[in-house]
């Protein structure tokens, strides 16, 4: 049985594709013997200025164990997703790319930054989180 603990996860996503974000949350919530806490910026809590957003993103990313990146092609066009990945790398956080169902291509920015790119299912995502989250 895997080591049971609560994993702190930041999910890097584009709010325009929030169905994908909610689906990943469902995967994690439904995983057996897996507890997690979402450190992501919620869609219902937008921030007014770029400075406020950067500060809040830093504050939410820092305590996370890993960053999940929904690796749809929209990722390549998102300035904020790129900023989040760069910040995670600067603080030494592992990034796990998730290839959305049906996608053939993965953005180069995700290929370059992710420790691993996993499939669109509960088992591969949870296994990667357990592998790349720092041991406490």
Protein backbone atom coordinates (compact mmCIF):
# COMPACT_ATOMS: atom_id res chain seq x y z
CA UNK A 1 0.00 0.00 0.00
CA UNK A 2 1.34 3.48 -0.84
CA UNK A 3 2.38 5.87 1.89
CA UNK A 4 -0.80 7.67 2.99
CA UNK A 5 -0.59 11.41 3.44
CA UNK A 6 -2.17 14.56 2.06
CA UNK A 7 -0.58 15.83 -1.16
CA UNK A 8 -0.71 19.54 -1.94
CA UNK A 9 -1.33 20.02 -5.65
CA UNK A 10 -1.37 23.14 -7.81
CA UNK A 11 -3.23 22.54 -11.08
CA UNK A 12 -2.01 24.87 -13.80
CA UNK A 13 -4.98 25.43 -16.12
CA UNK A 14 -6.70 27.95 -18.33
CA UNK A 15 -10.04 29.10 -16.91
CA UNK A 16 -11.54 28.93 -20.40
CA UNK A 17 -11.01 25.17 -20.19
CA UNK A 18 -12.32 24.73 -16.66
CA UNK A 19 -14.14 21.49 -17.54
CA UNK A 20 -10.72 19.81 -17.90
CA UNK A 21 -9.69 21.24 -14.52
CA UNK A 22 -12.86 19.95 -12.85
CA UNK A 23 -12.36 16.52 -14.45
CA UNK A 24 -8.82 16.25 -13.03
CA UNK A 25 -10.17 17.25 -9.61
CA UNK A 26 -12.75 14.46 -9.94
CA UNK A 27 -9.99 11.98 -10.82
CA UNK A 28 -8.05 12.97 -7.69
CA UNK A 29 -11.13 13.01 -5.45
CA UNK A 30 -12.16 9.53 -6.61
CA UNK A 31 -8.71 7.94 -6.27
CA UNK A 32 -8.65 5.23 -3.60
CA UNK A 33 -6.28 5.77 -0.67
CA UNK A 34 -5.32 9.23 -1.94
CA UNK A 35 -5.82 12.50 -0.11
CA UNK A 36 -5.05 15.83 -1.68
CA UNK A 37 -5.59 19.54 -1.23
CA UNK A 38 -6.06 21.88 -4.18
CA UNK A 39 -3.74 24.90 -4.09
CA UNK A 40 -4.94 26.30 -7.45
CA UNK A 41 -6.51 29.70 -8.07
CA UNK A 42 -10.25 29.05 -8.17
CA UNK A 43 -12.27 30.31 -11.13
CA UNK A 44 -14.76 32.03 -8.81
CA UNK A 45 -11.99 34.09 -7.14
CA UNK A 46 -10.42 36.20 -9.91
CA UNK A 47 -7.94 38.92 -9.00
CA UNK A 48 -7.98 42.52 -10.14
CA UNK A 49 -4.40 43.30 -11.12
CA UNK A 50 -1.40 41.43 -12.51
CA UNK A 51 0.60 42.28 -9.38
CA UNK A 52 -2.10 40.82 -7.13
CA UNK A 53 -2.35 37.75 -9.32
CA UNK A 54 1.42 37.15 -9.30
CA UNK A 55 1.58 37.51 -5.51
CA UNK A 56 -1.37 35.18 -4.95
CA UNK A 57 -0.03 32.66 -7.46
CA UNK A 58 3.35 32.62 -5.71
CA UNK A 59 1.60 32.18 -2.35
CA UNK A 60 -0.48 29.29 -3.71
CA UNK A 61 2.28 27.54 -5.65
CA UNK A 62 4.94 27.61 -2.90
CA UNK A 63 3.23 25.18 -0.48
CA UNK A 64 2.29 22.72 -3.25
CA UNK A 65 4.17 19.44 -3.50
CA UNK A 66 3.76 19.22 -7.27
CA UNK A 67 2.28 21.13 -10.18
CA UNK A 68 -0.05 19.45 -12.64
CA UNK A 69 -0.26 21.07 -16.07
CA UNK A 70 -3.20 20.35 -18.33
CA UNK A 71 -1.24 19.98 -21.55
CA UNK A 72 -3.81 20.99 -24.14
CA UNK A 73 -2.58 23.09 -27.05
CA UNK A 74 -4.10 26.17 -25.35
CA UNK A 75 -1.24 25.87 -22.84
CA UNK A 76 1.21 27.10 -25.47
CA UNK A 77 -0.76 30.36 -25.78
CA UNK A 78 -1.28 31.09 -22.09
CA UNK A 79 1.04 33.70 -20.63
CA UNK A 80 -0.11 32.90 -17.09
CA UNK A 81 0.37 29.14 -17.43
CA UNK A 82 3.90 29.81 -18.71
CA UNK A 83 4.53 32.14 -15.75
CA UNK A 84 3.26 29.48 -13.30
CA UNK A 85 5.52 26.79 -14.78
CA UNK A 86 8.56 29.08 -14.73
CA UNK A 87 7.91 29.96 -11.09
CA UNK A 88 7.53 26.28 -10.16
CA UNK A 89 10.86 25.49 -11.83
CA UNK A 90 12.57 28.41 -10.06
CA UNK A 91 11.53 27.01 -6.66
CA UNK A 92 12.48 23.44 -7.60
CA UNK A 93 8.96 22.04 -7.88
CA UNK A 94 8.26 19.04 -10.10
CA UNK A 95 5.85 19.59 -12.97
CA UNK A 96 3.67 16.76 -14.26
CA UNK A 97 2.01 17.23 -17.63
CA UNK A 98 -1.39 15.66 -18.24
CA UNK A 99 -2.21 14.86 -21.83
CA UNK A 100 -5.93 15.60 -22.23
CA UNK A 101 -8.09 12.86 -23.69
CA UNK A 102 -7.87 12.80 -27.47
CA UNK A 103 -4.91 15.18 -27.76
CA UNK A 104 -2.19 14.12 -30.16
CA UNK A 105 0.19 17.02 -29.67
CA UNK A 106 1.72 18.29 -26.44
CA UNK A 107 2.93 21.92 -26.32
CA UNK A 108 6.71 22.24 -26.43
CA UNK A 109 6.65 24.33 -23.23
CA UNK A 110 5.14 21.37 -21.36
CA UNK A 111 7.47 18.81 -22.99
CA UNK A 112 10.44 20.95 -21.99
CA UNK A 113 9.36 21.57 -18.37
CA UNK A 114 7.52 18.44 -17.22
CA UNK A 115 9.30 15.66 -15.37
CA UNK A 116 6.76 13.34 -16.95
CA UNK A 117 3.69 13.53 -19.18
CA UNK A 118 0.94 11.16 -18.09
CA UNK A 119 -2.33 9.98 -19.57
CA UNK A 120 -5.81 11.28 -18.89
CA UNK A 121 -6.77 8.88 -16.09
CA UNK A 122 -6.74 8.62 -12.33
CA UNK A 123 -4.07 5.96 -11.96
CA UNK A 124 -1.33 7.59 -14.02
CA UNK A 125 -1.92 11.02 -12.47
CA UNK A 126 -1.92 9.76 -8.87
CA UNK A 127 1.12 7.53 -9.46
CA UNK A 128 3.07 10.49 -10.86
CA UNK A 129 2.10 12.72 -7.91
CA UNK A 130 3.33 10.04 -5.50
CA UNK A 131 6.61 9.68 -7.45
CA UNK A 132 7.43 13.38 -7.72
CA UNK A 133 6.06 14.88 -4.49
CA UNK A 134 8.84 15.42 -1.96
CA UNK A 135 8.87 12.90 0.86
CA UNK A 136 7.90 14.35 4.24
